[in-house]
């Protein structure tokens, strides 16, 4: 059964086992490796993508349930060669360490800021509960997000 969806703004049709996790489709079939295969249980947040505008772990979504959905990966957040506001803030605040959690956090925080453009420090912490980073103490991440408010771009 063909599955039709939109991936980073492009309409695609897949002929694939409907039980295949979206994460595997992105990485193995489309070369979109921004979503990281870390826990494969939906706990770490490293594979987060946007499905119909909402941040969700792609490891838990079988492709067969995504008929007609719009999927955006970290690669599709901004035009080629550019960064979205969260990606740029992470760079400006030297947030990136090993890079495993970075894409998932960007996806989570982009969705969060779309819904809550002027968050408090505590709201940002709460938004990051589903994203695990083993390299940093999260303070630079929170400062990066808060800087977007100070610059008027959140």
N, C-alpha and C. Protein backbone atom coordinates (compact mmCIF):
# COMPACT_ATOMS: atom_id res chain seq x y z
N UNK A 1 0.84 -1.17 0.00
CA UNK A 1 0.00 0.00 0.00
C UNK A 1 0.89 1.24 0.00
N UNK A 2 0.80 2.08 -1.02
CA UNK A 2 1.63 3.28 -1.07
C UNK A 2 1.22 4.28 0.03
N UNK A 3 2.22 4.93 0.59
CA UNK A 3 2.00 5.94 1.63
C UNK A 3 2.45 7.27 1.07
N UNK A 4 1.52 8.22 1.04
CA UNK A 4 1.82 9.55 0.52
C UNK A 4 1.90 10.53 1.68
N UNK A 5 2.96 11.33 1.66
CA UNK A 5 3.15 12.35 2.69
C UNK A 5 4.03 13.46 2.14
N UNK A 6 4.23 14.47 2.95
CA UNK A 6 5.11 15.58 2.56
C UNK A 6 6.32 15.54 3.49
N UNK A 7 7.50 15.55 2.90
CA UNK A 7 8.75 15.51 3.66
C UNK A 7 9.57 16.75 3.32
N UNK A 8 9.73 17.61 4.30
CA UNK A 8 10.46 18.86 4.12
C UNK A 8 9.96 19.65 2.91
N UNK A 9 8.64 19.69 2.79
CA UNK A 9 8.00 20.47 1.74
C UNK A 9 7.83 19.77 0.41
N UNK A 10 8.31 18.55 0.27
CA UNK A 10 8.23 17.80 -0.98
C UNK A 10 7.26 16.64 -0.83
N UNK A 11 6.30 16.54 -1.75
CA UNK A 11 5.36 15.41 -1.74
C UNK A 11 6.11 14.16 -2.18
N UNK A 12 5.97 13.09 -1.38
CA UNK A 12 6.61 11.82 -1.72
C UNK A 12 5.61 10.68 -1.56
N UNK A 13 5.88 9.60 -2.26
CA UNK A 13 5.11 8.37 -2.13
C UNK A 13 6.08 7.25 -1.80
N UNK A 14 5.74 6.49 -0.78
CA UNK A 14 6.59 5.40 -0.32
C UNK A 14 5.88 4.07 -0.49
N UNK A 15 6.58 3.09 -1.01
CA UNK A 15 6.08 1.73 -1.04
C UNK A 15 6.97 0.95 -0.07
N UNK A 16 6.48 0.82 1.16
CA UNK A 16 7.31 0.32 2.24
C UNK A 16 6.42 -0.37 3.27
N UNK A 17 7.00 -1.27 4.03
CA UNK A 17 6.27 -1.92 5.12
C UNK A 17 5.73 -0.83 6.05
N UNK A 18 4.43 -0.76 6.27
CA UNK A 18 3.85 0.31 7.07
C UNK A 18 4.30 0.30 8.54
N UNK A 19 4.93 -0.78 8.98
CA UNK A 19 5.42 -0.85 10.36
C UNK A 19 6.81 -0.23 10.52
N UNK A 20 7.44 0.14 9.43
CA UNK A 20 8.78 0.72 9.48
C UNK A 20 8.75 2.03 10.24
N UNK A 21 9.62 2.20 11.23
CA UNK A 21 9.65 3.48 11.96
C UNK A 21 10.05 4.63 11.04
N UNK A 22 9.41 5.77 11.23
CA UNK A 22 9.74 6.96 10.46
C UNK A 22 11.24 7.25 10.53
N UNK A 23 11.85 7.08 11.68
CA UNK A 23 13.28 7.32 11.84
C UNK A 23 14.09 6.55 10.80
N UNK A 24 13.76 5.28 10.58
CA UNK A 24 14.50 4.47 9.61
C UNK A 24 14.25 4.94 8.19
N UNK A 25 13.04 5.36 7.90
CA UNK A 25 12.73 5.88 6.56
C UNK A 25 13.56 7.14 6.30
N UNK A 26 13.60 8.03 7.28
CA UNK A 26 14.36 9.28 7.11
C UNK A 26 15.84 9.01 6.88
N UNK A 27 16.41 8.19 7.73
CA UNK A 27 17.86 7.96 7.69
C UNK A 27 18.27 7.04 6.53
N UNK A 28 17.57 5.92 6.37
CA UNK A 28 18.00 4.89 5.42
C UNK A 28 17.54 5.13 3.99
N UNK A 29 16.36 5.67 3.82
CA UNK A 29 15.81 5.86 2.47
C UNK A 29 16.03 7.25 1.91
N UNK A 30 16.16 8.23 2.81
CA UNK A 30 16.25 9.62 2.33
C UNK A 30 17.55 10.31 2.73
N UNK A 31 18.42 9.64 3.47
CA UNK A 31 19.71 10.21 3.82
C UNK A 31 19.61 11.41 4.76
N UNK A 32 18.49 11.53 5.44
CA UNK A 32 18.28 12.63 6.39
C UNK A 32 18.73 12.13 7.76
N UNK A 33 19.97 12.37 8.08
CA UNK A 33 20.57 11.79 9.28
C UNK A 33 20.56 12.73 10.48
N UNK A 34 19.88 13.85 10.38
CA UNK A 34 19.76 14.77 11.51
C UNK A 34 19.06 14.13 12.69
N UNK A 35 18.01 13.38 12.42
CA UNK A 35 17.31 12.64 13.48
C UNK A 35 18.21 11.47 13.86
N UNK A 36 18.63 11.43 15.11
CA UNK A 36 19.59 10.42 15.55
C UNK A 36 18.91 9.20 16.15
N UNK A 37 19.43 8.02 15.82
CA UNK A 37 18.94 6.76 16.37
C UNK A 37 19.72 6.46 17.64
N UNK A 38 19.18 6.87 18.79
CA UNK A 38 19.90 6.71 20.05
C UNK A 38 19.20 5.66 20.91
N UNK A 39 18.08 6.00 21.53
CA UNK A 39 17.44 5.03 22.43
C UNK A 39 16.41 4.15 21.72
N UNK A 40 15.82 4.64 20.64
CA UNK A 40 14.77 3.94 19.90
C UNK A 40 13.57 3.57 20.76
N UNK A 41 13.39 4.28 21.87
CA UNK A 41 12.26 4.04 22.76
C UNK A 41 11.49 5.31 23.07
N UNK A 42 11.83 6.42 22.43
CA UNK A 42 11.11 7.67 22.63
C UNK A 42 11.45 8.44 23.88
N UNK A 43 12.54 8.07 24.56
CA UNK A 43 12.89 8.73 25.81
C UNK A 43 13.92 9.84 25.67
N UNK A 44 14.81 9.75 24.69
CA UNK A 44 15.96 10.66 24.66
C UNK A 44 15.72 11.93 23.87
N UNK A 45 14.81 11.91 22.91
CA UNK A 45 14.52 13.10 22.12
C UNK A 45 15.44 13.33 20.94
N UNK A 46 16.45 12.50 20.75
CA UNK A 46 17.44 12.71 19.69
C UNK A 46 16.86 12.55 18.28
N UNK A 47 15.75 11.86 18.15
CA UNK A 47 15.16 11.62 16.83
C UNK A 47 13.94 12.50 16.56
N UNK A 48 13.78 13.56 17.34
CA UNK A 48 12.59 14.40 17.23
C UNK A 48 12.48 15.08 15.87
N UNK A 49 11.29 15.02 15.31
CA UNK A 49 10.93 15.71 14.06
C UNK A 49 9.59 16.40 14.30
N UNK A 50 9.16 17.18 13.34
CA UNK A 50 7.83 17.77 13.41
C UNK A 50 6.90 16.98 12.50
N UNK A 51 5.80 16.53 13.05
CA UNK A 51 4.74 15.88 12.27
C UNK A 51 3.52 16.77 12.39
N UNK A 52 3.09 17.29 11.26
CA UNK A 52 1.98 18.24 11.23
C UNK A 52 2.18 19.36 12.25
N UNK A 53 3.42 19.85 12.34
CA UNK A 53 3.73 20.99 13.18
C UNK A 53 4.00 20.70 14.64
N UNK A 54 4.00 19.45 15.02
CA UNK A 54 4.21 19.10 16.43
C UNK A 54 5.47 18.25 16.57
N UNK A 55 6.30 18.59 17.56
CA UNK A 55 7.53 17.83 17.81
C UNK A 55 7.20 16.46 18.40
N UNK A 56 7.69 15.41 17.74
CA UNK A 56 7.45 14.03 18.19
C UNK A 56 8.69 13.17 17.91
N UNK A 57 8.89 12.10 18.70
CA UNK A 57 10.01 11.20 18.43
C UNK A 57 9.70 10.33 17.20
N UNK A 58 10.57 10.38 16.22
CA UNK A 58 10.32 9.64 14.98
C UNK A 58 10.53 8.14 15.14
N UNK A 59 11.21 7.72 16.19
CA UNK A 59 11.44 6.28 16.39
C UNK A 59 10.16 5.54 16.76
N UNK A 60 9.18 6.26 17.28
CA UNK A 60 7.94 5.62 17.73
C UNK A 60 6.80 5.72 16.72
N UNK A 61 7.03 6.34 15.57
CA UNK A 61 5.96 6.55 14.60
C UNK A 61 6.12 5.62 13.41
N UNK A 62 5.28 4.60 13.30
CA UNK A 62 5.32 3.75 12.10
C UNK A 62 4.88 4.58 10.89
N UNK A 63 5.57 4.40 9.80
CA UNK A 63 5.30 5.19 8.60
C UNK A 63 3.87 5.00 8.12
N UNK A 64 3.29 3.84 8.36
CA UNK A 64 1.92 3.58 7.91
C UNK A 64 0.88 4.47 8.57
N UNK A 65 1.19 5.06 9.71
CA UNK A 65 0.24 5.95 10.38
C UNK A 65 0.39 7.40 9.94
N UNK A 66 1.29 7.64 8.99
CA UNK A 66 1.59 9.02 8.60
C UNK A 66 1.05 9.41 7.23
N UNK A 67 0.13 8.61 6.72
CA UNK A 67 -0.51 8.92 5.44
C UNK A 67 -1.05 10.35 5.47
N UNK A 68 -0.63 11.16 4.49
CA UNK A 68 -1.14 12.52 4.36
C UNK A 68 -0.51 13.54 5.29
N UNK A 69 0.41 13.11 6.13
CA UNK A 69 1.04 14.02 7.10
C UNK A 69 2.15 14.85 6.47
N UNK A 70 2.46 15.94 7.12
CA UNK A 70 3.59 16.78 6.75
C UNK A 70 4.69 16.58 7.79
N UNK A 71 5.86 16.17 7.32
CA UNK A 71 6.98 15.89 8.21
C UNK A 71 8.10 16.87 7.89
N UNK A 72 8.64 17.48 8.93
CA UNK A 72 9.79 18.37 8.79
C UNK A 72 10.90 17.85 9.69
N UNK A 73 12.08 17.69 9.12
CA UNK A 73 13.25 17.28 9.87
C UNK A 73 14.12 18.50 10.13
N UNK A 74 15.17 18.33 10.90
CA UNK A 74 16.07 19.45 11.19
C UNK A 74 16.66 19.99 9.88
N UNK A 75 16.83 19.12 8.89
CA UNK A 75 17.36 19.56 7.60
C UNK A 75 16.39 20.47 6.86
N UNK A 76 15.10 20.39 7.19
CA UNK A 76 14.08 21.17 6.49
C UNK A 76 13.59 22.40 7.23
N UNK A 77 14.20 22.73 8.37
CA UNK A 77 13.74 23.88 9.15
C UNK A 77 14.02 25.22 8.48
N UNK A 78 15.05 25.27 7.68
CA UNK A 78 15.43 26.53 7.02
C UNK A 78 15.89 26.20 5.60
N UNK A 79 15.88 27.19 4.72
CA UNK A 79 16.36 26.95 3.36
C UNK A 79 17.82 26.47 3.37
N UNK A 80 18.21 25.70 2.34
CA UNK A 80 19.59 25.20 2.28
C UNK A 80 20.61 26.33 2.46
N UNK A 81 21.62 26.04 3.25
CA UNK A 81 22.68 27.02 3.48
C UNK A 81 22.37 28.05 4.55
N UNK A 82 21.19 27.95 5.18
CA UNK A 82 20.82 28.88 6.23
C UNK A 82 20.43 28.09 7.48
N UNK A 83 20.27 28.81 8.57
CA UNK A 83 19.87 28.19 9.83
C UNK A 83 18.61 28.85 10.33
N UNK A 84 17.81 28.11 11.11
CA UNK A 84 16.67 28.77 11.74
C UNK A 84 17.16 29.47 13.00
N UNK A 85 16.29 30.19 13.67
CA UNK A 85 16.70 31.03 14.80
C UNK A 85 17.26 30.22 15.97
N UNK A 86 16.74 29.04 16.21
CA UNK A 86 17.23 28.22 17.32
C UNK A 86 18.61 27.66 16.98
N UNK A 87 18.79 27.17 15.77
CA UNK A 87 20.09 26.68 15.35
C UNK A 87 21.15 27.77 15.50
N UNK A 88 20.83 28.98 15.04
CA UNK A 88 21.79 30.07 15.11
C UNK A 88 22.10 30.45 16.57
N UNK A 89 21.08 30.47 17.41
CA UNK A 89 21.29 30.78 18.83
C UNK A 89 22.17 29.72 19.49
N UNK A 90 22.00 28.45 19.11
CA UNK A 90 22.86 27.39 19.67
C UNK A 90 24.32 27.63 19.29
N UNK A 91 24.55 28.03 18.07
CA UNK A 91 25.92 28.30 17.62
C UNK A 91 26.46 29.54 18.34
N UNK A 92 25.66 30.59 18.39
CA UNK A 92 26.10 31.84 19.02
C UNK A 92 26.45 31.65 20.49
N UNK A 93 25.80 30.71 21.15
CA UNK A 93 26.03 30.47 22.58
C UNK A 93 26.87 29.23 22.83
N UNK A 94 27.50 28.70 21.78
CA UNK A 94 28.40 27.57 21.90
C UNK A 94 27.75 26.40 22.64
N UNK A 95 26.54 26.07 22.23
CA UNK A 95 25.77 25.01 22.87
C UNK A 95 26.21 23.63 22.41
N UNK A 96 26.54 23.50 21.13
CA UNK A 96 26.78 22.18 20.54
C UNK A 96 28.02 21.53 21.15
N UNK A 97 27.86 20.29 21.54
CA UNK A 97 28.99 19.51 22.04
C UNK A 97 29.20 18.33 21.09
N UNK A 98 28.74 17.14 21.44
CA UNK A 98 28.98 15.99 20.56
C UNK A 98 28.05 15.98 19.35
N UNK A 99 26.89 16.60 19.46
CA UNK A 99 25.98 16.69 18.33
C UNK A 99 24.86 15.67 18.30
N UNK A 100 24.86 14.70 19.19
CA UNK A 100 23.81 13.68 19.15
C UNK A 100 22.44 14.25 19.53
N UNK A 101 22.39 15.10 20.52
CA UNK A 101 21.09 15.63 20.98
C UNK A 101 20.70 16.92 20.27
N UNK A 102 21.66 17.59 19.67
CA UNK A 102 21.46 18.91 19.08
C UNK A 102 20.25 18.98 18.14
N UNK A 103 20.12 18.10 17.14
CA UNK A 103 18.98 18.21 16.24
C UNK A 103 17.63 18.05 16.94
N UNK A 104 17.54 17.09 17.85
CA UNK A 104 16.29 16.88 18.56
C UNK A 104 15.90 18.07 19.42
N UNK A 105 16.89 18.66 20.08
CA UNK A 105 16.62 19.85 20.89
C UNK A 105 16.18 21.02 20.03
N UNK A 106 16.81 21.18 18.88
CA UNK A 106 16.41 22.25 17.96
C UNK A 106 14.96 22.05 17.54
N UNK A 107 14.59 20.82 17.22
CA UNK A 107 13.21 20.55 16.79
C UNK A 107 12.23 20.80 17.93
N UNK A 108 12.56 20.33 19.12
CA UNK A 108 11.69 20.53 20.28
C UNK A 108 11.53 22.01 20.58
N UNK A 109 12.63 22.73 20.61
CA UNK A 109 12.57 24.15 20.98
C UNK A 109 11.95 25.01 19.89
N UNK A 110 12.11 24.64 18.64
CA UNK A 110 11.45 25.38 17.56
C UNK A 110 9.94 25.27 17.70
N UNK A 111 9.45 24.05 17.93
CA UNK A 111 8.02 23.84 18.14
C UNK A 111 7.55 24.59 19.39
N UNK A 112 8.31 24.49 20.46
CA UNK A 112 7.96 25.16 21.72
C UNK A 112 7.87 26.67 21.52
N UNK A 113 8.85 27.27 20.86
CA UNK A 113 8.84 28.72 20.67
C UNK A 113 7.74 29.19 19.72
N UNK A 114 7.32 28.33 18.83
CA UNK A 114 6.17 28.67 17.98
C UNK A 114 4.90 28.80 18.81
N UNK A 115 4.81 28.01 19.88
CA UNK A 115 3.64 28.05 20.76
C UNK A 115 3.80 29.02 21.91
N UNK A 116 5.04 29.23 22.36
CA UNK A 116 5.32 30.08 23.52
C UNK A 116 6.48 31.02 23.18
N UNK A 117 6.20 32.13 22.51
CA UNK A 117 7.29 32.98 22.01
C UNK A 117 8.08 33.74 23.07
N UNK A 118 7.54 33.89 24.26
CA UNK A 118 8.28 34.59 25.32
C UNK A 118 8.31 33.75 26.59
N UNK A 119 9.02 32.62 26.53
CA UNK A 119 9.03 31.70 27.68
C UNK A 119 9.91 32.18 28.82
N UNK A 120 9.60 31.67 29.98
CA UNK A 120 10.46 31.88 31.14
C UNK A 120 11.51 30.78 31.17
N UNK A 121 12.49 30.96 32.02
CA UNK A 121 13.53 29.94 32.21
C UNK A 121 12.90 28.60 32.61
N UNK A 122 11.93 28.64 33.51
CA UNK A 122 11.29 27.40 33.95
C UNK A 122 10.48 26.75 32.84
N UNK A 123 9.85 27.53 31.99
CA UNK A 123 9.11 26.95 30.87
C UNK A 123 10.05 26.28 29.88
N UNK A 124 11.20 26.87 29.66
CA UNK A 124 12.18 26.27 28.75
C UNK A 124 12.68 24.95 29.33
N UNK A 125 12.97 24.94 30.63
CA UNK A 125 13.38 23.70 31.28
C UNK A 125 12.32 22.62 31.12
N UNK A 126 11.07 22.97 31.33
CA UNK A 126 9.97 22.01 31.20
C UNK A 126 9.86 21.50 29.76
N UNK A 127 10.07 22.38 28.79
CA UNK A 127 9.98 21.99 27.38
C UNK A 127 11.06 20.97 27.02
N UNK A 128 12.19 21.03 27.70
CA UNK A 128 13.32 20.16 27.39
C UNK A 128 13.31 18.82 28.14
N UNK A 129 12.28 18.57 28.91
CA UNK A 129 12.23 17.35 29.71
C UNK A 129 12.43 16.08 28.87
N UNK A 130 11.94 16.04 27.67
CA UNK A 130 12.06 14.85 26.83
C UNK A 130 13.32 14.79 26.00
N UNK A 131 14.26 15.70 26.22
CA UNK A 131 15.51 15.72 25.47
C UNK A 131 16.69 15.55 26.43
N UNK A 132 17.43 14.47 26.23
CA UNK A 132 18.54 14.17 27.12
C UNK A 132 19.86 14.51 26.45
N UNK A 133 20.71 15.22 27.19
CA UNK A 133 22.06 15.53 26.75
C UNK A 133 23.01 15.07 27.84
N UNK A 134 24.03 14.33 27.45
CA UNK A 134 25.00 13.84 28.43
C UNK A 134 26.26 14.69 28.46
N UNK A 135 26.35 15.69 27.58
CA UNK A 135 27.59 16.47 27.46
C UNK A 135 27.55 17.81 28.18
N UNK A 136 26.38 18.34 28.44
CA UNK A 136 26.30 19.71 28.94
C UNK A 136 25.33 19.81 30.11
N UNK A 137 25.33 20.95 30.74
CA UNK A 137 24.46 21.18 31.89
C UNK A 137 23.21 21.95 31.56
N UNK A 138 22.87 22.10 30.31
CA UNK A 138 21.64 22.73 29.84
C UNK A 138 21.61 24.24 30.00
N UNK A 139 22.45 24.84 30.84
CA UNK A 139 22.36 26.28 31.08
C UNK A 139 22.61 27.09 29.82
N UNK A 140 23.59 26.69 29.02
CA UNK A 140 23.85 27.42 27.77
C UNK A 140 22.68 27.27 26.79
N UNK A 141 22.03 26.13 26.83
CA UNK A 141 20.87 25.90 25.97
C UNK A 141 19.75 26.87 26.37
N UNK A 142 19.48 26.95 27.64
CA UNK A 142 18.43 27.85 28.14
C UNK A 142 18.80 29.30 27.86
N UNK A 143 20.06 29.66 28.08
CA UNK A 143 20.50 31.02 27.78
C UNK A 143 20.35 31.35 26.29
N UNK A 144 20.63 30.38 25.44
CA UNK A 144 20.49 30.60 23.99
C UNK A 144 19.03 30.90 23.64
N UNK A 145 18.12 30.14 24.22
CA UNK A 145 16.69 30.38 23.95
C UNK A 145 16.26 31.73 24.50
N UNK A 146 16.69 32.05 25.69
CA UNK A 146 16.34 33.36 26.27
C UNK A 146 16.92 34.51 25.47
N UNK A 147 18.05 34.30 24.83
CA UNK A 147 18.66 35.36 24.01
C UNK A 147 17.77 35.73 22.83
N UNK A 148 16.99 34.78 22.36
CA UNK A 148 16.10 35.07 21.24
C UNK A 148 15.05 36.11 21.63
N UNK A 149 14.60 36.05 22.86
CA UNK A 149 13.66 37.05 23.36
C UNK A 149 14.33 38.41 23.43
N UNK A 150 15.56 38.43 23.95
CA UNK A 150 16.29 39.69 24.11
C UNK A 150 16.54 40.34 22.75
N UNK A 151 16.72 39.51 21.72
CA UNK A 151 16.95 40.02 20.38
C UNK A 151 15.65 40.29 19.63
N UNK A 152 14.53 39.92 20.25
CA UNK A 152 13.24 40.14 19.63
C UNK A 152 12.90 39.21 18.49
N UNK A 153 13.53 38.03 18.46
CA UNK A 153 13.26 37.09 17.38
C UNK A 153 12.58 35.82 17.85
N UNK A 154 12.25 35.73 19.11
CA UNK A 154 11.58 34.51 19.60
C UNK A 154 10.17 34.53 19.10
